[in-house]
Amino acid sequence: MINTDEIKPDMPVICSQGGQFATVDHMEESGTIKLMQDDAGQHHYIPVFWVTSTDDGVVKVDRPGDQAMQEWSNISPNYIDE
């Protein structure tokens, strides 16, 4: 089980192939990791259950970077459309 308290802002997010594809902005209350804005100014969100470890000051996830970027969300799970 991952201790989400170990996931901190500015930590690199590393895919299963060893490359960095994102950087942590912060943990959301929903147990989702908000990633820093990309070059287009868009935040993305990934579920914490993707995380396999937080060793050596990096967040490692269980999938290749290309797959992660196809599956991440652009909408915060905390967003409520009223």
N, C-alpha and C. Protein backbone atom coordinates (compact mmCIF):
# COMPACT_ATOMS: atom_id res chain seq x y z
N MET A 1 0.85 -1.19 0.00
CA MET A 1 0.00 0.00 0.00
C MET A 1 0.89 1.24 0.00
N ILE A 2 0.54 2.20 -0.83
CA ILE A 2 1.31 3.43 -0.95
C ILE A 2 0.86 4.41 0.13
N ASN A 3 1.82 5.04 0.78
CA ASN A 3 1.54 6.10 1.74
C ASN A 3 1.45 7.40 0.96
N THR A 4 0.26 7.92 0.78
CA THR A 4 0.09 9.12 -0.03
C THR A 4 0.74 10.35 0.60
N ASP A 5 1.05 10.30 1.89
CA ASP A 5 1.76 11.41 2.53
C ASP A 5 3.17 11.57 1.97
N GLU A 6 3.68 10.53 1.33
CA GLU A 6 5.02 10.58 0.74
C GLU A 6 5.02 11.25 -0.64
N ILE A 7 3.85 11.47 -1.21
CA ILE A 7 3.74 12.12 -2.53
C ILE A 7 3.69 13.62 -2.31
N LYS A 8 4.72 14.30 -2.76
CA LYS A 8 4.91 15.73 -2.50
C LYS A 8 4.95 16.53 -3.80
N PRO A 9 4.62 17.82 -3.72
CA PRO A 9 4.75 18.68 -4.90
C PRO A 9 6.16 18.63 -5.48
N ASP A 10 6.23 18.76 -6.78
CA ASP A 10 7.49 18.81 -7.54
C ASP A 10 8.19 17.47 -7.70
N MET A 11 7.58 16.37 -7.22
CA MET A 11 8.19 15.05 -7.44
C MET A 11 8.00 14.64 -8.89
N PRO A 12 9.05 14.10 -9.53
CA PRO A 12 8.89 13.57 -10.89
C PRO A 12 7.98 12.35 -10.88
N VAL A 13 7.19 12.18 -11.94
CA VAL A 13 6.36 11.00 -12.12
C VAL A 13 6.99 10.18 -13.24
N ILE A 14 7.39 8.95 -12.89
CA ILE A 14 8.17 8.08 -13.76
C ILE A 14 7.29 6.92 -14.22
N CYS A 15 7.31 6.64 -15.52
CA CYS A 15 6.51 5.55 -16.08
C CYS A 15 7.22 4.21 -15.86
N SER A 16 6.53 3.13 -16.23
CA SER A 16 7.08 1.78 -16.05
C SER A 16 8.31 1.53 -16.92
N GLN A 17 8.52 2.37 -17.93
CA GLN A 17 9.69 2.24 -18.79
C GLN A 17 10.86 3.08 -18.31
N GLY A 18 10.67 3.80 -17.20
CA GLY A 18 11.75 4.55 -16.59
C GLY A 18 11.85 6.02 -16.97
N GLY A 19 10.98 6.51 -17.83
CA GLY A 19 11.04 7.90 -18.25
C GLY A 19 10.07 8.78 -17.48
N GLN A 20 10.44 10.03 -17.29
CA GLN A 20 9.55 10.97 -16.63
C GLN A 20 8.55 11.51 -17.63
N PHE A 21 7.26 11.48 -17.26
CA PHE A 21 6.24 12.02 -18.16
C PHE A 21 5.44 13.14 -17.52
N ALA A 22 5.68 13.41 -16.22
CA ALA A 22 4.94 14.46 -15.54
C ALA A 22 5.64 14.82 -14.23
N THR A 23 5.09 15.84 -13.56
CA THR A 23 5.56 16.28 -12.26
C THR A 23 4.35 16.51 -11.37
N VAL A 24 4.45 16.10 -10.11
CA VAL A 24 3.35 16.26 -9.16
C VAL A 24 3.13 17.74 -8.85
N ASP A 25 1.87 18.17 -8.93
CA ASP A 25 1.47 19.47 -8.42
C ASP A 25 1.11 19.30 -6.95
N HIS A 26 0.13 18.42 -6.67
CA HIS A 26 -0.22 18.08 -5.29
C HIS A 26 -1.22 16.92 -5.28
N MET A 27 -1.45 16.38 -4.09
CA MET A 27 -2.47 15.35 -3.90
C MET A 27 -3.82 16.03 -3.72
N GLU A 28 -4.82 15.50 -4.38
CA GLU A 28 -6.19 15.98 -4.22
C GLU A 28 -6.83 15.21 -3.06
N GLU A 29 -7.87 15.77 -2.47
CA GLU A 29 -8.59 15.11 -1.38
C GLU A 29 -9.17 13.77 -1.80
N SER A 30 -9.45 13.62 -3.07
CA SER A 30 -10.09 12.41 -3.59
C SER A 30 -9.13 11.23 -3.73
N GLY A 31 -7.85 11.44 -3.39
CA GLY A 31 -6.87 10.38 -3.59
C GLY A 31 -6.32 10.36 -4.99
N THR A 32 -6.47 11.46 -5.67
CA THR A 32 -5.97 11.62 -7.03
C THR A 32 -4.76 12.54 -7.01
N ILE A 33 -3.81 12.29 -7.90
CA ILE A 33 -2.63 13.14 -7.99
C ILE A 33 -2.86 14.17 -9.09
N LYS A 34 -2.79 15.43 -8.73
CA LYS A 34 -2.88 16.51 -9.71
C LYS A 34 -1.47 16.77 -10.21
N LEU A 35 -1.32 16.78 -11.52
CA LEU A 35 -0.02 17.00 -12.14
C LEU A 35 0.13 18.47 -12.53
N MET A 36 1.37 18.92 -12.59
CA MET A 36 1.63 20.29 -13.00
C MET A 36 1.15 20.51 -14.43
N GLN A 37 0.90 21.75 -14.77
CA GLN A 37 0.44 22.10 -16.10
C GLN A 37 1.43 21.66 -17.16
N ASP A 38 0.89 21.22 -18.28
CA ASP A 38 1.74 20.88 -19.42
C ASP A 38 2.05 22.16 -20.21
N ASP A 39 2.71 22.02 -21.34
CA ASP A 39 3.10 23.18 -22.14
C ASP A 39 1.90 23.99 -22.63
N ALA A 40 0.74 23.35 -22.71
CA ALA A 40 -0.48 24.04 -23.15
C ALA A 40 -1.24 24.67 -21.98
N GLY A 41 -0.70 24.55 -20.76
CA GLY A 41 -1.36 25.13 -19.60
C GLY A 41 -2.45 24.28 -18.99
N GLN A 42 -2.49 22.98 -19.32
CA GLN A 42 -3.51 22.05 -18.86
C GLN A 42 -2.99 21.19 -17.72
N HIS A 43 -3.76 21.13 -16.61
CA HIS A 43 -3.47 20.17 -15.54
C HIS A 43 -4.04 18.82 -15.93
N HIS A 44 -3.44 17.75 -15.43
CA HIS A 44 -3.94 16.39 -15.63
C HIS A 44 -3.99 15.72 -14.27
N TYR A 45 -4.78 14.65 -14.18
CA TYR A 45 -5.00 13.94 -12.92
C TYR A 45 -4.82 12.45 -13.16
N ILE A 46 -4.12 11.81 -12.22
CA ILE A 46 -3.96 10.36 -12.29
C ILE A 46 -4.38 9.76 -10.95
N PRO A 47 -4.96 8.55 -10.98
CA PRO A 47 -5.37 7.91 -9.73
C PRO A 47 -4.16 7.38 -8.97
N VAL A 48 -4.23 7.44 -7.67
CA VAL A 48 -3.12 6.98 -6.84
C VAL A 48 -2.90 5.48 -6.98
N PHE A 49 -3.93 4.73 -7.40
CA PHE A 49 -3.74 3.27 -7.53
C PHE A 49 -2.79 2.91 -8.67
N TRP A 50 -2.43 3.85 -9.53
CA TRP A 50 -1.40 3.60 -10.55
C TRP A 50 -0.01 3.55 -9.92
N VAL A 51 0.17 4.16 -8.76
CA VAL A 51 1.49 4.31 -8.15
C VAL A 51 1.98 2.97 -7.60
N THR A 52 3.19 2.60 -7.98
CA THR A 52 3.79 1.36 -7.48
C THR A 52 4.78 1.63 -6.35
N SER A 53 5.40 2.83 -6.36
CA SER A 53 6.33 3.18 -5.29
C SER A 53 6.61 4.68 -5.31
N THR A 54 7.18 5.13 -4.21
CA THR A 54 7.62 6.52 -4.10
C THR A 54 9.08 6.55 -3.65
N ASP A 55 9.86 5.62 -4.14
CA ASP A 55 11.26 5.49 -3.76
C ASP A 55 12.11 6.60 -4.37
N ASP A 56 13.17 6.97 -3.67
CA ASP A 56 14.18 7.89 -4.20
C ASP A 56 13.61 9.24 -4.63
N GLY A 57 12.52 9.68 -4.00
CA GLY A 57 11.97 11.00 -4.30
C GLY A 57 11.25 11.09 -5.63
N VAL A 58 10.82 9.96 -6.18
CA VAL A 58 10.05 9.96 -7.42
C VAL A 58 8.79 9.11 -7.23
N VAL A 59 7.77 9.44 -7.99
CA VAL A 59 6.54 8.66 -8.02
C VAL A 59 6.62 7.75 -9.24
N LYS A 60 6.59 6.44 -9.00
CA LYS A 60 6.65 5.47 -10.10
C LYS A 60 5.26 4.89 -10.31
N VAL A 61 4.86 4.82 -11.59
CA VAL A 61 3.54 4.28 -11.93
C VAL A 61 3.67 2.97 -12.70
N ASP A 62 2.56 2.26 -12.80
CA ASP A 62 2.54 0.89 -13.32
C ASP A 62 2.35 0.76 -14.83
N ARG A 63 2.42 1.88 -15.56
CA ARG A 63 2.16 1.80 -17.00
C ARG A 63 3.14 2.67 -17.78
N PRO A 64 3.30 2.37 -19.07
CA PRO A 64 4.16 3.20 -19.92
C PRO A 64 3.63 4.63 -20.00
N GLY A 65 4.51 5.57 -20.23
CA GLY A 65 4.15 6.98 -20.28
C GLY A 65 3.08 7.29 -21.32
N ASP A 66 3.20 6.70 -22.52
CA ASP A 66 2.21 6.94 -23.57
C ASP A 66 0.82 6.50 -23.12
N GLN A 67 0.75 5.35 -22.49
CA GLN A 67 -0.53 4.84 -22.01
C GLN A 67 -1.07 5.74 -20.91
N ALA A 68 -0.21 6.14 -19.97
CA ALA A 68 -0.64 7.01 -18.87
C ALA A 68 -1.21 8.32 -19.40
N MET A 69 -0.56 8.89 -20.41
CA MET A 69 -1.03 10.16 -20.96
C MET A 69 -2.33 10.00 -21.74
N GLN A 70 -2.61 8.82 -22.27
CA GLN A 70 -3.89 8.56 -22.93
C GLN A 70 -5.01 8.38 -21.91
N GLU A 71 -4.65 7.85 -20.73
CA GLU A 71 -5.66 7.50 -19.73
C GLU A 71 -5.86 8.53 -18.63
N TRP A 72 -4.95 9.52 -18.51
CA TRP A 72 -5.13 10.51 -17.45
C TRP A 72 -6.36 11.35 -17.74
N SER A 73 -6.83 12.03 -16.71
CA SER A 73 -8.02 12.88 -16.86
C SER A 73 -7.61 14.34 -16.91
N ASN A 74 -8.39 15.14 -17.62
CA ASN A 74 -8.19 16.58 -17.66
C ASN A 74 -9.12 17.29 -16.68
N ILE A 75 -9.98 16.53 -16.02
CA ILE A 75 -10.98 17.10 -15.11
C ILE A 75 -10.73 16.56 -13.71
N SER A 76 -10.68 17.46 -12.75
CA SER A 76 -10.50 17.06 -11.36
C SER A 76 -11.67 16.21 -10.90
N PRO A 77 -11.40 15.13 -10.18
CA PRO A 77 -12.51 14.33 -9.63
C PRO A 77 -13.29 15.11 -8.58
N ASN A 78 -12.73 16.23 -8.12
CA ASN A 78 -13.43 17.08 -7.15
C ASN A 78 -14.38 18.06 -7.82
N TYR A 79 -14.34 18.13 -9.16
CA TYR A 79 -15.16 19.08 -9.91
C TYR A 79 -16.62 18.64 -9.88
N ILE A 80 -17.49 19.57 -9.55
CA ILE A 80 -18.93 19.30 -9.54
C ILE A 80 -19.58 20.29 -10.50
N ASP A 81 -20.27 19.78 -11.49
CA ASP A 81 -20.94 20.63 -12.48
C ASP A 81 -22.32 20.99 -11.93
N GLU A 82 -22.48 22.24 -11.59
CA GLU A 82 -23.77 22.68 -11.02
C GLU A 82 -24.53 23.53 -11.99
